[in-house]
């Protein structure tokens, strides 16, 4: 079940960005999801399946590690005289811009 909540202090509630969809699960389902997530992450880490450059969903990595790695790779590229490129994605409005015709909705 999905509930749509108003985001506070929005000037125009006619825009989709003024709302926040929240998925409601039973407490047992949320607890089970947390347990499964911790077990899967523990198995991934123990089997060393993710490279050190993977920062999302890794408990030992944080924003500071990400920035330090980015700075290190940028400086190493400059020192070797090579050209480099960086591609960044901003997906903060991704959910609000999904084409509803391309998705299936279950209510």
PDB file of N, CA and C in Angstrom:
ATOM      1  N   UNK A   1       0.845  -1.170   0.000  1.00  0.00           N
ATOM      2  CA  UNK A   1       0.000   0.000   0.000  1.00  0.00           C
ATOM      3  C   UNK A   1       0.890   1.232   0.000  1.00  0.00           C
ATOM      4  N   UNK A   2       0.561   2.199  -0.840  1.00  0.00           N
ATOM      5  CA  UNK A   2       1.338   3.435  -0.936  1.00  0.00           C
ATOM      6  C   UNK A   2       0.458   4.600  -0.512  1.00  0.00           C
ATOM      7  N   UNK A   3       0.996   5.434   0.368  1.00  0.00           N
ATOM      8  CA  UNK A   3       0.301   6.630   0.842  1.00  0.00           C
ATOM      9  C   UNK A   3       1.076   7.838   0.339  1.00  0.00           C
ATOM     10  N   UNK A   4       0.376   8.834  -0.180  1.00  0.00           N
ATOM     11  CA  UNK A   4       1.006  10.051  -0.663  1.00  0.00           C
ATOM     12  C   UNK A   4       0.896  11.115   0.426  1.00  0.00           C
ATOM     13  N   UNK A   5       2.042  11.640   0.875  1.00  0.00           N
ATOM     14  CA  UNK A   5       2.085  12.665   1.916  1.00  0.00           C
ATOM     15  C   UNK A   5       2.544  13.996   1.331  1.00  0.00           C
ATOM     16  N   UNK A   6       1.988  15.081   1.843  1.00  0.00           N
ATOM     17  CA  UNK A   6       2.438  16.417   1.458  1.00  0.00           C
ATOM     18  C   UNK A   6       3.793  16.689   2.092  1.00  0.00           C
ATOM     19  N   UNK A   7       4.732  17.237   1.307  1.00  0.00           N
ATOM     20  CA  UNK A   7       5.992  17.699   1.868  1.00  0.00           C
ATOM     21  C   UNK A   7       5.723  19.055   2.504  1.00  0.00           C
ATOM     22  N   UNK A   8       6.268  19.320   3.685  1.00  0.00           N
ATOM     23  CA  UNK A   8       5.981  20.589   4.358  1.00  0.00           C
ATOM     24  C   UNK A   8       6.629  21.776   3.659  1.00  0.00           C
ATOM     25  N   UNK A   9       5.995  22.916   3.810  1.00  0.00           N
ATOM     26  CA  UNK A   9       6.518  24.205   3.340  1.00  0.00           C
ATOM     27  C   UNK A   9       6.775  24.258   1.841  1.00  0.00           C
ATOM     28  N   UNK A  10       5.915  23.647   1.062  1.00  0.00           N
ATOM     29  CA  UNK A  10       6.012  23.729  -0.398  1.00  0.00           C
ATOM     30  C   UNK A  10       5.094  24.838  -0.890  1.00  0.00           C
ATOM     31  N   UNK A  11       5.589  25.718  -1.769  1.00  0.00           N
ATOM     32  CA  UNK A  11       4.756  26.843  -2.206  1.00  0.00           C
ATOM     33  C   UNK A  11       3.628  26.444  -3.152  1.00  0.00           C
ATOM     34  N   UNK A  12       3.798  25.359  -3.912  1.00  0.00           N
ATOM     35  CA  UNK A  12       2.798  25.004  -4.916  1.00  0.00           C
ATOM     36  C   UNK A  12       2.520  23.505  -4.843  1.00  0.00           C
ATOM     37  N   UNK A  13       1.357  23.147  -4.325  1.00  0.00           N
ATOM     38  CA  UNK A  13       1.009  21.732  -4.190  1.00  0.00           C
ATOM     39  C   UNK A  13       0.370  21.163  -5.458  1.00  0.00           C
ATOM     40  N   UNK A  14       0.410  21.910  -6.553  1.00  0.00           N
ATOM     41  CA  UNK A  14      -0.053  21.368  -7.825  1.00  0.00           C
ATOM     42  C   UNK A  14       1.081  20.637  -8.548  1.00  0.00           C
ATOM     43  N   UNK A  15       2.311  20.748  -8.036  1.00  0.00           N
ATOM     44  CA  UNK A  15       3.467  20.070  -8.625  1.00  0.00           C
ATOM     45  C   UNK A  15       3.679  18.713  -7.968  1.00  0.00           C
ATOM     46  N   UNK A  16       4.157  17.753  -8.748  1.00  0.00           N
ATOM     47  CA  UNK A  16       4.390  16.400  -8.227  1.00  0.00           C
ATOM     48  C   UNK A  16       5.483  16.380  -7.163  1.00  0.00           C
ATOM     49  N   UNK A  17       6.446  17.306  -7.251  1.00  0.00           N
ATOM     50  CA  UNK A  17       7.553  17.333  -6.288  1.00  0.00           C
ATOM     51  C   UNK A  17       7.109  17.761  -4.890  1.00  0.00           C
ATOM     52  N   UNK A  18       5.880  18.214  -4.752  1.00  0.00           N
ATOM     53  CA  UNK A  18       5.374  18.657  -3.453  1.00  0.00           C
ATOM     54  C   UNK A  18       4.847  17.495  -2.625  1.00  0.00           C
ATOM     55  N   UNK A  19       4.908  16.293  -3.166  1.00  0.00           N
ATOM     56  CA  UNK A  19       4.370  15.112  -2.487  1.00  0.00           C
ATOM     57  C   UNK A  19       5.435  14.039  -2.356  1.00  0.00           C
ATOM     58  N   UNK A  20       5.277  13.199  -1.358  1.00  0.00           N
ATOM     59  CA  UNK A  20       6.228  12.126  -1.099  1.00  0.00           C
ATOM     60  C   UNK A  20       5.462  10.811  -0.970  1.00  0.00           C
ATOM     61  N   UNK A  21       5.677   9.859  -1.892  1.00  0.00           N
ATOM     62  CA  UNK A  21       5.007   8.567  -1.757  1.00  0.00           C
ATOM     63  C   UNK A  21       5.719   7.701  -0.717  1.00  0.00           C
ATOM     64  N   UNK A  22       4.968   7.127   0.184  1.00  0.00           N
ATOM     65  CA  UNK A  22       5.509   6.288   1.250  1.00  0.00           C
ATOM     66  C   UNK A  22       4.871   4.914   1.138  1.00  0.00           C
ATOM     67  N   UNK A  23       5.712   3.896   1.104  1.00  0.00           N
ATOM     68  CA  UNK A  23       5.214   2.529   1.048  1.00  0.00           C
ATOM     69  C   UNK A  23       5.029   2.019   2.469  1.00  0.00           C
ATOM     70  N   UNK A  24       3.841   1.550   2.770  1.00  0.00           N
ATOM     71  CA  UNK A  24       3.545   1.054   4.109  1.00  0.00           C
ATOM     72  C   UNK A  24       3.620  -0.466   4.137  1.00  0.00           C
ATOM     73  N   UNK A  25       4.510  -0.968   4.931  1.00  0.00           N
ATOM     74  CA  UNK A  25       4.636  -2.407   5.122  1.00  0.00           C
ATOM     75  C   UNK A  25       4.292  -2.730   6.567  1.00  0.00           C
ATOM     76  N   UNK A  26       3.910  -3.934   6.780  1.00  0.00           N
ATOM     77  CA  UNK A  26       3.692  -4.369   8.154  1.00  0.00           C
ATOM     78  C   UNK A  26       5.041  -4.394   8.872  1.00  0.00           C
ATOM     79  N   UNK A  27       4.997  -4.282  10.178  1.00  0.00           N
ATOM     80  CA  UNK A  27       6.233  -4.269  10.962  1.00  0.00           C
ATOM     81  C   UNK A  27       7.046  -5.541  10.759  1.00  0.00           C
ATOM     82  N   UNK A  28       6.379  -6.668  10.657  1.00  0.00           N
ATOM     83  CA  UNK A  28       7.109  -7.928  10.459  1.00  0.00           C
ATOM     84  C   UNK A  28       7.805  -7.940   9.100  1.00  0.00           C
ATOM     85  N   UNK A  29       7.157  -7.369   8.072  1.00  0.00           N
ATOM     86  CA  UNK A  29       7.781  -7.323   6.756  1.00  0.00           C
ATOM     87  C   UNK A  29       9.004  -6.413   6.783  1.00  0.00           C
ATOM     88  N   UNK A  30       8.905  -5.281   7.485  1.00  0.00           N
ATOM     89  CA  UNK A  30      10.051  -4.378   7.603  1.00  0.00           C
ATOM     90  C   UNK A  30      11.201  -5.051   8.346  1.00  0.00           C
ATOM     91  N   UNK A  31      10.881  -5.757   9.412  1.00  0.00           N
ATOM     92  CA  UNK A  31      11.904  -6.459  10.180  1.00  0.00           C
ATOM     93  C   UNK A  31      12.576  -7.533   9.331  1.00  0.00           C
ATOM     94  N   UNK A  32      11.781  -8.300   8.604  1.00  0.00           N
ATOM     95  CA  UNK A  32      12.329  -9.340   7.733  1.00  0.00           C
ATOM     96  C   UNK A  32      13.213  -8.731   6.651  1.00  0.00           C
ATOM     97  N   UNK A  33      12.793  -7.595   6.098  1.00  0.00           N
ATOM     98  CA  UNK A  33      13.588  -6.925   5.074  1.00  0.00           C
ATOM     99  C   UNK A  33      14.943  -6.512   5.628  1.00  0.00           C
ATOM    100  N   UNK A  34      14.971  -5.963   6.833  1.00  0.00           N
ATOM    101  CA  UNK A  34      16.238  -5.561   7.463  1.00  0.00           C
ATOM    102  C   UNK A  34      17.152  -6.766   7.692  1.00  0.00           C
ATOM    103  N   UNK A  35      16.570  -7.864   8.171  1.00  0.00           N
ATOM    104  CA  UNK A  35      17.365  -9.069   8.450  1.00  0.00           C
ATOM    105  C   UNK A  35      17.970  -9.619   7.162  1.00  0.00           C
ATOM    106  N   UNK A  36      17.158  -9.715   6.121  1.00  0.00           N
ATOM    107  CA  UNK A  36      17.644 -10.242   4.842  1.00  0.00           C
ATOM    108  C   UNK A  36      18.717  -9.331   4.267  1.00  0.00           C
ATOM    109  N   UNK A  37      18.511  -8.017   4.347  1.00  0.00           N
ATOM    110  CA  UNK A  37      19.490  -7.070   3.832  1.00  0.00           C
ATOM    111  C   UNK A  37      20.827  -7.209   4.546  1.00  0.00           C
ATOM    112  N   UNK A  38      20.795  -7.329   5.861  1.00  0.00           N
ATOM    113  CA  UNK A  38      22.047  -7.483   6.625  1.00  0.00           C
ATOM    114  C   UNK A  38      22.760  -8.782   6.267  1.00  0.00           C
ATOM    115  N   UNK A  39      21.997  -9.866   6.096  1.00  0.00           N
ATOM    116  CA  UNK A  39      22.608 -11.157   5.740  1.00  0.00           C
ATOM    117  C   UNK A  39      23.225 -11.112   4.345  1.00  0.00           C
ATOM    118  N   UNK A  40      22.502 -10.533   3.387  1.00  0.00           N
ATOM    119  CA  UNK A  40      23.019 -10.450   2.023  1.00  0.00           C
ATOM    120  C   UNK A  40      24.270  -9.567   1.983  1.00  0.00           C
ATOM    121  N   UNK A  41      24.223  -8.414   2.647  1.00  0.00           N
ATOM    122  CA  UNK A  41      25.395  -7.530   2.683  1.00  0.00           C
ATOM    123  C   UNK A  41      26.586  -8.208   3.351  1.00  0.00           C
ATOM    124  N   UNK A  42      26.351  -8.954   4.415  1.00  0.00           N
ATOM    125  CA  UNK A  42      27.444  -9.671   5.087  1.00  0.00           C
ATOM    126  C   UNK A  42      28.061 -10.706   4.150  1.00  0.00           C
ATOM    127  N   UNK A  43      27.238 -11.417   3.398  1.00  0.00           N
ATOM    128  CA  UNK A  43      27.758 -12.410   2.452  1.00  0.00           C
ATOM    129  C   UNK A  43      28.543 -11.745   1.323  1.00  0.00           C
ATOM    130  N   UNK A  44      28.053 -10.621   0.833  1.00  0.00           N
ATOM    131  CA  UNK A  44      28.755  -9.903  -0.235  1.00  0.00           C
ATOM    132  C   UNK A  44      30.114  -9.428   0.246  1.00  0.00           C
ATOM    133  N   UNK A  45      30.160  -8.890   1.463  1.00  0.00           N
ATOM    134  CA  UNK A  45      31.423  -8.388   2.007  1.00  0.00           C
ATOM    135  C   UNK A  45      32.387  -9.533   2.305  1.00  0.00           C
ATOM    136  N   UNK A  46      31.898 -10.626   2.894  1.00  0.00           N
ATOM    137  CA  UNK A  46      32.784 -11.745   3.226  1.00  0.00           C
ATOM    138  C   UNK A  46      33.334 -12.423   1.981  1.00  0.00           C
ATOM    139  N   UNK A  47      32.569 -12.440   0.888  1.00  0.00           N
ATOM    140  CA  UNK A  47      33.040 -13.047  -0.360  1.00  0.00           C
ATOM    141  C   UNK A  47      33.817 -12.054  -1.216  1.00  0.00           C
ATOM    142  N   UNK A  48      33.933 -10.814  -0.733  1.00  0.00           N
ATOM    143  CA  UNK A  48      34.690  -9.775  -1.441  1.00  0.00           C
ATOM    144  C   UNK A  48      34.188  -9.611  -2.882  1.00  0.00           C
ATOM    145  N   UNK A  49      32.881  -9.482  -3.042  1.00  0.00           N
ATOM    146  CA  UNK A  49      32.272  -9.392  -4.368  1.00  0.00           C
ATOM    147  C   UNK A  49      32.227  -7.973  -4.925  1.00  0.00           C
ATOM    148  N   UNK A  50      32.354  -6.978  -4.074  1.00  0.00           N
ATOM    149  CA  UNK A  50      32.310  -5.592  -4.537  1.00  0.00           C
ATOM    150  C   UNK A  50      33.713  -5.010  -4.619  1.00  0.00           C
ATOM    151  N   UNK A  51      33.989  -4.229  -5.655  1.00  0.00           N
ATOM    152  CA  UNK A  51      35.303  -3.573  -5.728  1.00  0.00           C
ATOM    153  C   UNK A  51      35.402  -2.462  -4.685  1.00  0.00           C
ATOM    154  N   UNK A  52      36.616  -2.046  -4.381  1.00  0.00           N
ATOM    155  CA  UNK A  52      36.814  -0.976  -3.399  1.00  0.00           C
ATOM    156  C   UNK A  52      36.234   0.348  -3.880  1.00  0.00           C
ATOM    157  N   UNK A  53      36.001   0.491  -5.173  1.00  0.00           N
ATOM    158  CA  UNK A  53      35.432   1.729  -5.704  1.00  0.00           C
ATOM    159  C   UNK A  53      33.906   1.775  -5.566  1.00  0.00           C
ATOM    160  N   UNK A  54      33.316   0.719  -5.032  1.00  0.00           N
ATOM    161  CA  UNK A  54      31.868   0.698  -4.800  1.00  0.00           C
ATOM    162  C   UNK A  54      31.597   1.322  -3.439  1.00  0.00           C
ATOM    163  N   UNK A  55      30.811   2.397  -3.428  1.00  0.00           N
ATOM    164  CA  UNK A  55      30.571   3.109  -2.182  1.00  0.00           C
ATOM    165  C   UNK A  55      29.144   2.974  -1.684  1.00  0.00           C
ATOM    166  N   UNK A  56      28.210   2.664  -2.546  1.00  0.00           N
ATOM    167  CA  UNK A  56      26.806   2.559  -2.144  1.00  0.00           C
ATOM    168  C   UNK A  56      26.586   1.228  -1.443  1.00  0.00           C
ATOM    169  N   UNK A  57      25.869   1.248  -0.350  1.00  0.00           N
ATOM    170  CA  UNK A  57      25.489   0.061   0.418  1.00  0.00           C
ATOM    171  C   UNK A  57      26.668  -0.660   1.054  1.00  0.00           C
ATOM    172  N   UNK A  58      27.760   0.032   1.249  1.00  0.00           N
ATOM    173  CA  UNK A  58      28.912  -0.561   1.931  1.00  0.00           C
ATOM    174  C   UNK A  58      29.066   0.108   3.291  1.00  0.00           C
ATOM    175  N   UNK A  59      28.919  -0.650   4.374  1.00  0.00           N
ATOM    176  CA  UNK A  59      28.958  -0.033   5.699  1.00  0.00           C
ATOM    177  C   UNK A  59      30.286   0.627   6.050  1.00  0.00           C
ATOM    178  N   UNK A  60      31.405   0.161   5.487  1.00  0.00           N
ATOM    179  CA  UNK A  60      32.698   0.753   5.836  1.00  0.00           C
ATOM    180  C   UNK A  60      33.053   1.945   4.961  1.00  0.00           C
ATOM    181  N   UNK A  61      32.210   2.293   3.990  1.00  0.00           N
ATOM    182  CA  UNK A  61      32.464   3.434   3.120  1.00  0.00           C
ATOM    183  C   UNK A  61      31.480   4.556   3.424  1.00  0.00           C
ATOM    184  N   UNK A  62      31.985   5.783   3.345  1.00  0.00           N
ATOM    185  CA  UNK A  62      31.120   6.940   3.585  1.00  0.00           C
ATOM    186  C   UNK A  62      31.424   8.031   2.567  1.00  0.00           C
ATOM    187  N   UNK A  63      30.815   9.173   2.719  1.00  0.00           N
ATOM    188  CA  UNK A  63      30.997  10.268   1.771  1.00  0.00           C
ATOM    189  C   UNK A  63      32.438  10.750   1.729  1.00  0.00           C
ATOM    190  N   UNK A  64      33.096  10.771   2.852  1.00  0.00           N
ATOM    191  CA  UNK A  64      34.489  11.224   2.896  1.00  0.00           C
ATOM    192  C   UNK A  64      35.375  10.284   2.085  1.00  0.00           C
ATOM    193  N   UNK A  65      35.145   8.965   2.182  1.00  0.00           N
ATOM    194  CA  UNK A  65      35.895   8.010   1.367  1.00  0.00           C
ATOM    195  C   UNK A  65      35.658   8.255  -0.124  1.00  0.00           C
ATOM    196  N   UNK A  66      34.421   8.540  -0.482  1.00  0.00           N
ATOM    197  CA  UNK A  66      34.076   8.783  -1.881  1.00  0.00           C
ATOM    198  C   UNK A  66      34.810  10.004  -2.413  1.00  0.00           C
ATOM    199  N   UNK A  67      34.775  11.099  -1.669  1.00  0.00           N
ATOM    200  CA  UNK A  67      35.434  12.332  -2.101  1.00  0.00           C
ATOM    201  C   UNK A  67      36.946  12.149  -2.142  1.00  0.00           C
ATOM    202  N   UNK A  68      37.515  11.477  -1.159  1.00  0.00           N
ATOM    203  CA  UNK A  68      38.961  11.248  -1.135  1.00  0.00           C
ATOM    204  C   UNK A  68      39.398  10.418  -2.345  1.00  0.00           C
ATOM    205  N   UNK A  69      38.628   9.410  -2.689  1.00  0.00           N
ATOM    206  CA  UNK A  69      38.947   8.591  -3.863  1.00  0.00           C
ATOM    207  C   UNK A  69      38.859   9.407  -5.140  1.00  0.00           C
ATOM    208  N   UNK A  70      37.825  10.231  -5.253  1.00  0.00           N
ATOM    209  CA  UNK A  70      37.663  11.085  -6.431  1.00  0.00           C
ATOM    210  C   UNK A  70      38.832  12.062  -6.567  1.00  0.00           C
ATOM    211  N   UNK A  71      39.223  12.684  -5.475  1.00  0.00           N
ATOM    212  CA  UNK A  71      40.353  13.626  -5.505  1.00  0.00           C
ATOM    213  C   UNK A  71      41.645  12.897  -5.868  1.00  0.00           C
ATOM    214  N   UNK A  72      41.865  11.723  -5.275  1.00  0.00           N
ATOM    215  CA  UNK A  72      43.077  10.945  -5.562  1.00  0.00           C
ATOM    216  C   UNK A  72      43.157  10.578  -7.043  1.00  0.00           C
ATOM    217  N   UNK A  73      42.054  10.088  -7.606  1.00  0.00           N
ATOM    218  CA  UNK A  73      42.061   9.690  -9.023  1.00  0.00           C
ATOM    219  C   UNK A  73      42.233  10.901  -9.935  1.00  0.00           C
ATOM    220  N   UNK A  74      41.656  12.042  -9.559  1.00  0.00           N
ATOM    221  CA  UNK A  74      41.817  13.265 -10.349  1.00  0.00           C
ATOM    222  C   UNK A  74      43.274  13.719 -10.342  1.00  0.00           C
ATOM    223  N   UNK A  75      43.903  13.728  -9.168  1.00  0.00           N
ATOM    224  CA  UNK A  75      45.298  14.140  -9.064  1.00  0.00           C
ATOM    225  C   UNK A  75      46.227  13.173  -9.788  1.00  0.00           C
ATOM    226  N   UNK A  76      45.947  11.876  -9.699  1.00  0.00           N
ATOM    227  CA  UNK A  76      46.778  10.890 -10.393  1.00  0.00           C
ATOM    228  C   UNK A  76      46.672  11.061 -11.905  1.00  0.00           C
ATOM    229  N   UNK A  77      45.483  11.369 -12.395  1.00  0.00           N
ATOM    230  CA  UNK A  77      45.298  11.595 -13.833  1.00  0.00           C
ATOM    231  C   UNK A  77      46.058  12.831 -14.279  1.00  0.00           C
ATOM    232  N   UNK A  78      46.016  13.901 -13.487  1.00  0.00           N
ATOM    233  CA  UNK A  78      46.732  15.136 -13.831  1.00  0.00           C
ATOM    234  C   UNK A  78      48.240  14.923 -13.819  1.00  0.00           C
ATOM    235  N   UNK A  79      48.751  14.187 -12.825  1.00  0.00           N
ATOM    236  CA  UNK A  79      50.193  13.986 -12.696  1.00  0.00           C
ATOM    237  C   UNK A  79      50.768  13.149 -13.827  1.00  0.00           C
ATOM    238  N   UNK A  80      49.962  12.239 -14.375  1.00  0.00           N
ATOM    239  CA  UNK A  80      50.445  11.415 -15.480  1.00  0.00           C
ATOM    240  C   UNK A  80      50.296  12.113 -16.820  1.00  0.00           C
ATOM    241  N   UNK A  81      49.672  13.287 -16.832  1.00  0.00           N
ATOM    242  CA  UNK A  81      49.507  14.036 -18.066  1.00  0.00           C
ATOM    243  C   UNK A  81      48.380  13.517 -18.951  1.00  0.00           C
ATOM    244  N   UNK A  82      47.551  12.672 -18.415  1.00  0.00           N
ATOM    245  CA  UNK A  82      46.423  12.135 -19.183  1.00  0.00           C
ATOM    246  C   UNK A  82      45.202  13.041 -19.052  1.00  0.00           C
ATOM    247  N   UNK A  83      44.305  12.907 -19.994  1.00  0.00           N
ATOM    248  CA  UNK A  83      43.030  13.617 -19.929  1.00  0.00           C
ATOM    249  C   UNK A  83      42.016  12.695 -19.253  1.00  0.00           C
ATOM    250  N   UNK A  84      41.118  13.287 -18.519  1.00  0.00           N
ATOM    251  CA  UNK A  84      40.105  12.493 -17.827  1.00  0.00           C
ATOM    252  C   UNK A  84      38.733  13.108 -17.983  1.00  0.00           C
ATOM    253  N   UNK A  85      37.732  12.312 -17.698  1.00  0.00           N
ATOM    254  CA  UNK A  85      36.348  12.798 -17.766  1.00  0.00           C
ATOM    255  C   UNK A  85      35.598  12.260 -16.553  1.00  0.00           C
ATOM    256  N   UNK A  86      34.644  13.033 -16.096  1.00  0.00           N
ATOM    257  CA  UNK A  86      33.827  12.647 -14.950  1.00  0.00           C
ATOM    258  C   UNK A  86      32.370  12.840 -15.331  1.00  0.00           C
ATOM    259  N   UNK A  87      31.593  11.814 -15.176  1.00  0.00           N
ATOM    260  CA  UNK A  87      30.172  11.870 -15.492  1.00  0.00           C
ATOM    261  C   UNK A  87      29.392  11.681 -14.205  1.00  0.00           C
ATOM    262  N   UNK A  88      28.561  12.663 -13.861  1.00  0.00           N
ATOM    263  CA  UNK A  88      27.765  12.623 -12.644  1.00  0.00           C
ATOM    264  C   UNK A  88      26.291  12.622 -13.001  1.00  0.00           C
ATOM    265  N   UNK A  89      25.485  11.922 -12.224  1.00  0.00           N
ATOM    266  CA  UNK A  89      24.049  11.878 -12.431  1.00  0.00           C
ATOM    267  C   UNK A  89      23.347  12.467 -11.219  1.00  0.00           C
ATOM    268  N   UNK A  90      22.344  13.285 -11.458  1.00  0.00           N
ATOM    269  CA  UNK A  90      21.501  13.800 -10.395  1.00  0.00           C
ATOM    270  C   UNK A  90      20.130  13.159 -10.573  1.00  0.00           C
ATOM    271  N   UNK A  91      19.822  12.175  -9.741  1.00  0.00           N
ATOM    272  CA  UNK A  91      18.559  11.453  -9.906  1.00  0.00           C
ATOM    273  C   UNK A  91      17.577  11.784  -8.791  1.00  0.00           C
ATOM    274  N   UNK A  92      17.725  12.971  -8.200  1.00  0.00           N
ATOM    275  CA  UNK A  92      16.853  13.341  -7.088  1.00  0.00           C
ATOM    276  C   UNK A  92      15.390  13.421  -7.503  1.00  0.00           C
ATOM    277  N   UNK A  93      15.114  13.792  -8.738  1.00  0.00           N
ATOM    278  CA  UNK A  93      13.734  13.876  -9.201  1.00  0.00           C
ATOM    279  C   UNK A  93      13.325  12.695 -10.055  1.00  0.00           C
ATOM    280  N   UNK A  94      14.043  11.599  -9.951  1.00  0.00           N
ATOM    281  CA  UNK A  94      13.792  10.444 -10.807  1.00  0.00           C
ATOM    282  C   UNK A  94      12.370   9.918 -10.667  1.00  0.00           C
ATOM    283  N   UNK A  95      11.922   9.712  -9.449  1.00  0.00           N
ATOM    284  CA  UNK A  95      10.601   9.127  -9.222  1.00  0.00           C
ATOM    285  C   UNK A  95       9.503   9.997  -9.812  1.00  0.00           C
ATOM    286  N   UNK A  96       9.634  11.306  -9.695  1.00  0.00           N
ATOM    287  CA  UNK A  96       8.609  12.230 -10.175  1.00  0.00           C
ATOM    288  C   UNK A  96       8.542  12.296 -11.699  1.00  0.00           C
ATOM    289  N   UNK A  97       9.583  11.821 -12.380  1.00  0.00           N
ATOM    290  CA  UNK A  97       9.636  11.942 -13.835  1.00  0.00           C
ATOM    291  C   UNK A  97       9.503  10.607 -14.559  1.00  0.00           C
ATOM    292  N   UNK A  98       9.082   9.569 -13.881  1.00  0.00           N
ATOM    293  CA  UNK A  98       8.877   8.269 -14.515  1.00  0.00           C
ATOM    294  C   UNK A  98       7.655   8.346 -15.425  1.00  0.00           C
ATOM    295  N   UNK A  99       7.793   7.793 -16.618  1.00  0.00           N
ATOM    296  CA  UNK A  99       6.673   7.742 -17.549  1.00  0.00           C
ATOM    297  C   UNK A  99       5.700   6.670 -17.074  1.00  0.00           C
ATOM    298  N   UNK A 100       4.479   7.027 -16.677  1.00  0.00           N
ATOM    299  CA  UNK A 100       3.547   6.042 -16.139  1.00  0.00           C
ATOM    300  C   UNK A 100       3.120   4.991 -17.151  1.00  0.00           C
ATOM    301  N   UNK A 101       3.255   5.281 -18.436  1.00  0.00           N
ATOM    302  CA  UNK A 101       2.883   4.309 -19.454  1.00  0.00           C
ATOM    303  C   UNK A 101       3.869   3.163 -19.533  1.00  0.00           C
ATOM    304  N   UNK A 102       5.081   3.384 -19.039  1.00  0.00           N
ATOM    305  CA  UNK A 102       6.127   2.360 -19.093  1.00  0.00           C
ATOM    306  C   UNK A 102       6.185   1.505 -17.833  1.00  0.00           C
ATOM    307  N   UNK A 103       5.362   1.778 -16.885  1.00  0.00           N
ATOM    308  CA  UNK A 103       5.382   1.034 -15.630  1.00  0.00           C
ATOM    309  C   UNK A 103       4.035   0.372 -15.393  1.00  0.00           C
ATOM    310  N   UNK A 104       4.054  -0.655 -14.591  1.00  0.00           N
ATOM    311  CA  UNK A 104       2.801  -1.281 -14.179  1.00  0.00           C
ATOM    312  C   UNK A 104       2.538  -0.885 -12.746  1.00  0.00           C
ATOM    313  N   UNK A 105       1.338  -0.518 -12.455  1.00  0.00           N
ATOM    314  CA  UNK A 105       1.008  -0.073 -11.114  1.00  0.00           C
ATOM    315  C   UNK A 105       0.039  -1.064 -10.482  1.00  0.00           C
ATOM    316  N   UNK A 106       0.319  -1.398  -9.254  1.00  0.00           N
ATOM    317  CA  UNK A 106      -0.542  -2.298  -8.496  1.00  0.00           C
ATOM    318  C   UNK A 106      -1.091  -1.533  -7.301  1.00  0.00           C
ATOM    319  N   UNK A 107      -2.371  -1.433  -7.201  1.00  0.00           N
ATOM    320  CA  UNK A 107      -3.001  -0.729  -6.080  1.00  0.00           C
ATOM    321  C   UNK A 107      -3.929  -1.666  -5.364  1.00  0.00           C
TER     322      UNK A 107
END
